[in-house]
Structure formats: structure tokens, C-alpha cells
Amino acid sequence: MSLEENTNLCLKHCYPTIQQITDKVKRVRQESQATHDLQYLYIMMNGPSPWVKALKTVLAEESAWESVKSS
């Protein structure tokens, strides 16, 4: 694996974009609908406050969550 490929892999897992996170959350919620009615979302992270606020806003707008909270 090249250095660029390794860097891209690490970035994807360690600091994903807002779109990557929202896509993953949507996928998990859809896959779990048969057995669970997920209504609350809690995201554990240590990102900068403005970025976390932007993420929470996008998540709340894209899906009807009862609550979106973060660390």
C-alpha cells in the first residue's frame, strides 16, 4: 500500500467528512429498522465545536431524530 493510500484510509476512519458520517448513520438506521426503531443519536467525538455543531445540524435535517447529542 502506498503512503497516499494509507493516508486516505486513515483519514476515512479517523476523521471522516460530514457526508461520510451522515451516509453511515442513514445506512445503519435503515438496516436496523426491522428490529429497532432508532430515535436517539449520540455521537462520541473530539472534533472542533463548530464542526460538531455543523454535523449535528445536518444529521437533524436529514433524518427525523427525536434527539441528536454529542460529546
PDB file of N, CA and C in Angstrom:
ATOM      1  N   MET A   1       0.862  -1.174   0.000  1.00  0.00           N
ATOM      2  CA  MET A   1       0.000   0.000   0.000  1.00  0.00           C
ATOM      3  C   MET A   1       0.903   1.231   0.000  1.00  0.00           C
ATOM      4  N   SER A   2       0.576   2.171  -0.868  1.00  0.00           N
ATOM      5  CA  SER A   2       1.373   3.390  -0.949  1.00  0.00           C
ATOM      6  C   SER A   2       1.079   4.304   0.238  1.00  0.00           C
ATOM      7  N   LEU A   3       1.932   5.272   0.456  1.00  0.00           N
ATOM      8  CA  LEU A   3       1.741   6.232   1.538  1.00  0.00           C
ATOM      9  C   LEU A   3       0.435   7.002   1.348  1.00  0.00           C
ATOM     10  N   GLU A   4       0.131   7.384   0.122  1.00  0.00           N
ATOM     11  CA  GLU A   4      -1.117   8.112  -0.163  1.00  0.00           C
ATOM     12  C   GLU A   4      -2.344   7.251   0.136  1.00  0.00           C
ATOM     13  N   GLU A   5      -2.304   5.989  -0.276  1.00  0.00           N
ATOM     14  CA  GLU A   5      -3.424   5.082   0.006  1.00  0.00           C
ATOM     15  C   GLU A   5      -3.597   4.875   1.512  1.00  0.00           C
ATOM     16  N   ASN A   6      -2.500   4.729   2.212  1.00  0.00           N
ATOM     17  CA  ASN A   6      -2.549   4.544   3.658  1.00  0.00           C
ATOM     18  C   ASN A   6      -3.105   5.793   4.341  1.00  0.00           C
ATOM     19  N   THR A   7      -2.658   6.966   3.901  1.00  0.00           N
ATOM     20  CA  THR A   7      -3.153   8.230   4.457  1.00  0.00           C
ATOM     21  C   THR A   7      -4.648   8.367   4.230  1.00  0.00           C
ATOM     22  N   ASN A   8      -5.104   8.082   3.019  1.00  0.00           N
ATOM     23  CA  ASN A   8      -6.533   8.170   2.701  1.00  0.00           C
ATOM     24  C   ASN A   8      -7.354   7.201   3.539  1.00  0.00           C
ATOM     25  N   LEU A   9      -6.850   6.013   3.758  1.00  0.00           N
ATOM     26  CA  LEU A   9      -7.546   5.026   4.582  1.00  0.00           C
ATOM     27  C   LEU A   9      -7.654   5.513   6.029  1.00  0.00           C
ATOM     28  N   CYS A  10      -6.560   6.053   6.553  1.00  0.00           N
ATOM     29  CA  CYS A  10      -6.568   6.570   7.929  1.00  0.00           C
ATOM     30  C   CYS A  10      -7.531   7.740   8.063  1.00  0.00           C
ATOM     31  N   LEU A  11      -7.518   8.654   7.109  1.00  0.00           N
ATOM     32  CA  LEU A  11      -8.414   9.810   7.170  1.00  0.00           C
ATOM     33  C   LEU A  11      -9.874   9.381   7.123  1.00  0.00           C
ATOM     34  N   LYS A  12     -10.172   8.401   6.306  1.00  0.00           N
ATOM     35  CA  LYS A  12     -11.550   7.915   6.184  1.00  0.00           C
ATOM     36  C   LYS A  12     -12.053   7.372   7.519  1.00  0.00           C
ATOM     37  N   HIS A  13     -11.209   6.685   8.256  1.00  0.00           N
ATOM     38  CA  HIS A  13     -11.623   6.067   9.514  1.00  0.00           C
ATOM     39  C   HIS A  13     -11.439   6.981  10.721  1.00  0.00           C
ATOM     40  N   CYS A  14     -10.454   7.865  10.677  1.00  0.00           N
ATOM     41  CA  CYS A  14     -10.143   8.674  11.852  1.00  0.00           C
ATOM     42  C   CYS A  14     -10.776  10.066  11.819  1.00  0.00           C
ATOM     43  N   TYR A  15     -11.019  10.602  10.652  1.00  0.00           N
ATOM     44  CA  TYR A  15     -11.613  11.938  10.559  1.00  0.00           C
ATOM     45  C   TYR A  15     -12.480  12.014   9.301  1.00  0.00           C
ATOM     46  N   PRO A  16     -13.581  11.268   9.308  1.00  0.00           N
ATOM     47  CA  PRO A  16     -14.454  11.244   8.122  1.00  0.00           C
ATOM     48  C   PRO A  16     -15.136  12.596   7.922  1.00  0.00           C
ATOM     49  N   THR A  17     -15.588  12.825   6.711  1.00  0.00           N
ATOM     50  CA  THR A  17     -16.313  14.054   6.404  1.00  0.00           C
ATOM     51  C   THR A  17     -17.729  13.976   6.980  1.00  0.00           C
ATOM     52  N   ILE A  18     -18.378  15.120   7.032  1.00  0.00           N
ATOM     53  CA  ILE A  18     -19.767  15.152   7.492  1.00  0.00           C
ATOM     54  C   ILE A  18     -20.631  14.265   6.606  1.00  0.00           C
ATOM     55  N   GLN A  19     -20.400  14.303   5.308  1.00  0.00           N
ATOM     56  CA  GLN A  19     -21.198  13.482   4.392  1.00  0.00           C
ATOM     57  C   GLN A  19     -20.963  11.998   4.640  1.00  0.00           C
ATOM     58  N   GLN A  20     -19.720  11.595   4.888  1.00  0.00           N
ATOM     59  CA  GLN A  20     -19.432  10.185   5.171  1.00  0.00           C
ATOM     60  C   GLN A  20     -20.146   9.732   6.444  1.00  0.00           C
ATOM     61  N   ILE A  21     -20.159  10.579   7.444  1.00  0.00           N
ATOM     62  CA  ILE A  21     -20.828  10.227   8.698  1.00  0.00           C
ATOM     63  C   ILE A  21     -22.331  10.135   8.503  1.00  0.00           C
ATOM     64  N   THR A  22     -22.933  11.118   7.824  1.00  0.00           N
ATOM     65  CA  THR A  22     -24.381  11.086   7.626  1.00  0.00           C
ATOM     66  C   THR A  22     -24.791   9.892   6.768  1.00  0.00           C
ATOM     67  N   ASP A  23     -23.989   9.558   5.777  1.00  0.00           N
ATOM     68  CA  ASP A  23     -24.286   8.377   4.959  1.00  0.00           C
ATOM     69  C   ASP A  23     -24.263   7.105   5.801  1.00  0.00           C
ATOM     70  N   LYS A  24     -23.271   6.980   6.672  1.00  0.00           N
ATOM     71  CA  LYS A  24     -23.151   5.797   7.525  1.00  0.00           C
ATOM     72  C   LYS A  24     -24.316   5.720   8.514  1.00  0.00           C
ATOM     73  N   VAL A  25     -24.671   6.845   9.115  1.00  0.00           N
ATOM     74  CA  VAL A  25     -25.776   6.867  10.072  1.00  0.00           C
ATOM     75  C   VAL A  25     -27.080   6.460   9.381  1.00  0.00           C
ATOM     76  N   LYS A  26     -27.323   6.987   8.184  1.00  0.00           N
ATOM     77  CA  LYS A  26     -28.528   6.614   7.430  1.00  0.00           C
ATOM     78  C   LYS A  26     -28.553   5.110   7.157  1.00  0.00           C
ATOM     79  N   ARG A  27     -27.404   4.587   6.724  1.00  0.00           N
ATOM     80  CA  ARG A  27     -27.323   3.161   6.380  1.00  0.00           C
ATOM     81  C   ARG A  27     -27.591   2.292   7.612  1.00  0.00           C
ATOM     82  N   VAL A  28     -26.998   2.626   8.738  1.00  0.00           N
ATOM     83  CA  VAL A  28     -27.203   1.850   9.961  1.00  0.00           C
ATOM     84  C   VAL A  28     -28.663   1.926  10.395  1.00  0.00           C
ATOM     85  N   ARG A  29     -29.246   3.099  10.320  1.00  0.00           N
ATOM     86  CA  ARG A  29     -30.651   3.247  10.735  1.00  0.00           C
ATOM     87  C   ARG A  29     -31.569   2.430   9.832  1.00  0.00           C
ATOM     88  N   GLN A  30     -31.335   2.471   8.529  1.00  0.00           N
ATOM     89  CA  GLN A  30     -32.165   1.708   7.590  1.00  0.00           C
ATOM     90  C   GLN A  30     -32.015   0.206   7.825  1.00  0.00           C
ATOM     91  N   GLU A  31     -30.785  -0.239   8.044  1.00  0.00           N
ATOM     92  CA  GLU A  31     -30.540  -1.668   8.250  1.00  0.00           C
ATOM     93  C   GLU A  31     -31.142  -2.175   9.556  1.00  0.00           C
ATOM     94  N   SER A  32     -31.306  -1.313  10.533  1.00  0.00           N
ATOM     95  CA  SER A  32     -31.812  -1.743  11.829  1.00  0.00           C
ATOM     96  C   SER A  32     -33.325  -1.596  11.972  1.00  0.00           C
ATOM     97  N   GLN A  33     -33.988  -1.007  10.993  1.00  0.00           N
ATOM     98  CA  GLN A  33     -35.428  -0.746  11.110  1.00  0.00           C
ATOM     99  C   GLN A  33     -36.255  -1.998  11.347  1.00  0.00           C
ATOM    100  N   ALA A  34     -35.817  -3.124  10.851  1.00  0.00           N
ATOM    101  CA  ALA A  34     -36.587  -4.362  11.027  1.00  0.00           C
ATOM    102  C   ALA A  34     -36.650  -4.789  12.492  1.00  0.00           C
ATOM    103  N   THR A  35     -35.609  -4.468  13.263  1.00  0.00           N
ATOM    104  CA  THR A  35     -35.557  -4.926  14.641  1.00  0.00           C
ATOM    105  C   THR A  35     -35.577  -3.809  15.686  1.00  0.00           C
ATOM    106  N   HIS A  36     -35.217  -2.591  15.281  1.00  0.00           N
ATOM    107  CA  HIS A  36     -35.140  -1.481  16.233  1.00  0.00           C
ATOM    108  C   HIS A  36     -35.671  -0.199  15.595  1.00  0.00           C
ATOM    109  N   ASP A  37     -36.358   0.588  16.376  1.00  0.00           N
ATOM    110  CA  ASP A  37     -36.817   1.894  15.929  1.00  0.00           C
ATOM    111  C   ASP A  37     -35.902   2.945  16.559  1.00  0.00           C
ATOM    112  N   LEU A  38     -34.804   3.247  15.887  1.00  0.00           N
ATOM    113  CA  LEU A  38     -33.826   4.183  16.437  1.00  0.00           C
ATOM    114  C   LEU A  38     -34.366   5.603  16.372  1.00  0.00           C
ATOM    115  N   GLN A  39     -34.410   6.261  17.527  1.00  0.00           N
ATOM    116  CA  GLN A  39     -34.938   7.620  17.600  1.00  0.00           C
ATOM    117  C   GLN A  39     -33.944   8.607  18.179  1.00  0.00           C
ATOM    118  N   TYR A  40     -32.923   8.114  18.871  1.00  0.00           N
ATOM    119  CA  TYR A  40     -31.957   8.973  19.529  1.00  0.00           C
ATOM    120  C   TYR A  40     -30.565   8.697  18.966  1.00  0.00           C
ATOM    121  N   LEU A  41     -29.825   9.745  18.701  1.00  0.00           N
ATOM    122  CA  LEU A  41     -28.486   9.601  18.141  1.00  0.00           C
ATOM    123  C   LEU A  41     -27.493  10.314  19.050  1.00  0.00           C
ATOM    124  N   TYR A  42     -26.482   9.575  19.492  1.00  0.00           N
ATOM    125  CA  TYR A  42     -25.413  10.146  20.299  1.00  0.00           C
ATOM    126  C   TYR A  42     -24.106   9.874  19.582  1.00  0.00           C
ATOM    127  N   ILE A  43     -23.348  10.928  19.337  1.00  0.00           N
ATOM    128  CA  ILE A  43     -22.098  10.810  18.601  1.00  0.00           C
ATOM    129  C   ILE A  43     -20.947  11.154  19.536  1.00  0.00           C
ATOM    130  N   MET A  44     -20.025  10.209  19.695  1.00  0.00           N
ATOM    131  CA  MET A  44     -18.843  10.466  20.518  1.00  0.00           C
ATOM    132  C   MET A  44     -17.716  10.917  19.606  1.00  0.00           C
ATOM    133  N   MET A  45     -17.169  12.097  19.896  1.00  0.00           N
ATOM    134  CA  MET A  45     -16.077  12.627  19.078  1.00  0.00           C
ATOM    135  C   MET A  45     -15.344  13.713  19.831  1.00  0.00           C
ATOM    136  N   ASN A  46     -14.209  14.080  19.286  1.00  0.00           N
ATOM    137  CA  ASN A  46     -13.439  15.161  19.874  1.00  0.00           C
ATOM    138  C   ASN A  46     -13.102  16.226  18.824  1.00  0.00           C
ATOM    139  N   GLY A  47     -13.971  16.387  17.847  1.00  0.00           N
ATOM    140  CA  GLY A  47     -13.763  17.393  16.810  1.00  0.00           C
ATOM    141  C   GLY A  47     -14.007  18.795  17.342  1.00  0.00           C
ATOM    142  N   PRO A  48     -13.592  19.799  16.576  1.00  0.00           N
ATOM    143  CA  PRO A  48     -13.823  21.181  16.991  1.00  0.00           C
ATOM    144  C   PRO A  48     -15.321  21.487  17.098  1.00  0.00           C
ATOM    145  N   SER A  49     -15.697  22.302  18.069  1.00  0.00           N
ATOM    146  CA  SER A  49     -17.113  22.593  18.338  1.00  0.00           C
ATOM    147  C   SER A  49     -17.891  23.059  17.108  1.00  0.00           C
ATOM    148  N   PRO A  50     -17.368  23.975  16.279  1.00  0.00           N
ATOM    149  CA  PRO A  50     -18.144  24.399  15.104  1.00  0.00           C
ATOM    150  C   PRO A  50     -18.411  23.236  14.138  1.00  0.00           C
ATOM    151  N   TRP A  51     -17.446  22.337  13.989  1.00  0.00           N
ATOM    152  CA  TRP A  51     -17.620  21.190  13.094  1.00  0.00           C
ATOM    153  C   TRP A  51     -18.667  20.233  13.652  1.00  0.00           C
ATOM    154  N   VAL A  52     -18.624  19.999  14.952  1.00  0.00           N
ATOM    155  CA  VAL A  52     -19.603  19.115  15.602  1.00  0.00           C
ATOM    156  C   VAL A  52     -20.998  19.715  15.474  1.00  0.00           C
ATOM    157  N   LYS A  53     -21.108  21.007  15.667  1.00  0.00           N
ATOM    158  CA  LYS A  53     -22.408  21.674  15.528  1.00  0.00           C
ATOM    159  C   LYS A  53     -22.938  21.531  14.105  1.00  0.00           C
ATOM    160  N   ALA A  54     -22.076  21.695  13.107  1.00  0.00           N
ATOM    161  CA  ALA A  54     -22.487  21.540  11.705  1.00  0.00           C
ATOM    162  C   ALA A  54     -22.948  20.113  11.437  1.00  0.00           C
ATOM    163  N   LEU A  55     -22.227  19.135  11.973  1.00  0.00           N
ATOM    164  CA  LEU A  55     -22.608  17.728  11.804  1.00  0.00           C
ATOM    165  C   LEU A  55     -23.975  17.465  12.412  1.00  0.00           C
ATOM    166  N   LYS A  56     -24.186  17.922  13.633  1.00  0.00           N
ATOM    167  CA  LYS A  56     -25.466  17.707  14.297  1.00  0.00           C
ATOM    168  C   LYS A  56     -26.611  18.361  13.535  1.00  0.00           C
ATOM    169  N   THR A  57     -26.364  19.523  12.969  1.00  0.00           N
ATOM    170  CA  THR A  57     -27.390  20.221  12.178  1.00  0.00           C
ATOM    171  C   THR A  57     -27.763  19.404  10.952  1.00  0.00           C
ATOM    172  N   VAL A  58     -26.758  18.922  10.236  1.00  0.00           N
ATOM    173  CA  VAL A  58     -27.022  18.121   9.028  1.00  0.00           C
ATOM    174  C   VAL A  58     -27.751  16.832   9.389  1.00  0.00           C
ATOM    175  N   LEU A  59     -27.324  16.161  10.431  1.00  0.00           N
ATOM    176  CA  LEU A  59     -27.984  14.920  10.837  1.00  0.00           C
ATOM    177  C   LEU A  59     -29.445  15.165  11.222  1.00  0.00           C
ATOM    178  N   ALA A  60     -29.701  16.232  11.941  1.00  0.00           N
ATOM    179  CA  ALA A  60     -31.064  16.546  12.356  1.00  0.00           C
ATOM    180  C   ALA A  60     -31.941  16.909  11.172  1.00  0.00           C
ATOM    181  N   GLU A  61     -31.361  17.572  10.171  1.00  0.00           N
ATOM    182  CA  GLU A  61     -32.132  17.970   8.988  1.00  0.00           C
ATOM    183  C   GLU A  61     -32.424  16.801   8.061  1.00  0.00           C
ATOM    184  N   GLU A  62     -31.502  15.859   7.970  1.00  0.00           N
ATOM    185  CA  GLU A  62     -31.639  14.766   7.008  1.00  0.00           C
ATOM    186  C   GLU A  62     -32.516  13.620   7.498  1.00  0.00           C
ATOM    187  N   SER A  63     -32.688  13.493   8.788  1.00  0.00           N
ATOM    188  CA  SER A  63     -33.500  12.402   9.334  1.00  0.00           C
ATOM    189  C   SER A  63     -34.295  12.916  10.517  1.00  0.00           C
ATOM    190  N   ALA A  64     -35.425  12.307  10.741  1.00  0.00           N
ATOM    191  CA  ALA A  64     -36.300  12.719  11.846  1.00  0.00           C
ATOM    192  C   ALA A  64     -35.876  12.035  13.137  1.00  0.00           C
ATOM    193  N   TRP A  65     -34.806  12.538  13.760  1.00  0.00           N
ATOM    194  CA  TRP A  65     -34.360  12.017  15.041  1.00  0.00           C
ATOM    195  C   TRP A  65     -35.121  12.707  16.143  1.00  0.00           C
ATOM    196  N   GLU A  66     -35.426  11.987  17.195  1.00  0.00           N
ATOM    197  CA  GLU A  66     -36.025  12.574  18.390  1.00  0.00           C
ATOM    198  C   GLU A  66     -35.021  13.513  19.045  1.00  0.00           C
ATOM    199  N   SER A  67     -33.737  13.091  19.023  1.00  0.00           N
ATOM    200  CA  SER A  67     -32.687  13.887  19.638  1.00  0.00           C
ATOM    201  C   SER A  67     -31.348  13.530  19.002  1.00  0.00           C
ATOM    202  N   VAL A  68     -30.491  14.551  18.798  1.00  0.00           N
ATOM    203  CA  VAL A  68     -29.118  14.342  18.325  1.00  0.00           C
ATOM    204  C   VAL A  68     -28.197  15.019  19.339  1.00  0.00           C
ATOM    205  N   LYS A  69     -27.373  14.240  20.001  1.00  0.00           N
ATOM    206  CA  LYS A  69     -26.459  14.745  21.022  1.00  0.00           C
ATOM    207  C   LYS A  69     -25.035  14.317  20.694  1.00  0.00           C
ATOM    208  N   SER A  70     -24.072  14.995  21.308  1.00  0.00           N
ATOM    209  CA  SER A  70     -22.675  14.631  21.092  1.00  0.00           C
ATOM    210  C   SER A  70     -21.858  14.891  22.344  1.00  0.00           C
ATOM    211  N   SER A  71     -20.659  14.314  22.340  1.00  0.00           N
ATOM    212  CA  SER A  71     -19.745  14.534  23.457  1.00  0.00           C
ATOM    213  C   SER A  71     -19.016  15.846  23.265  1.00  0.00           C
TER     214      SER A  71
END
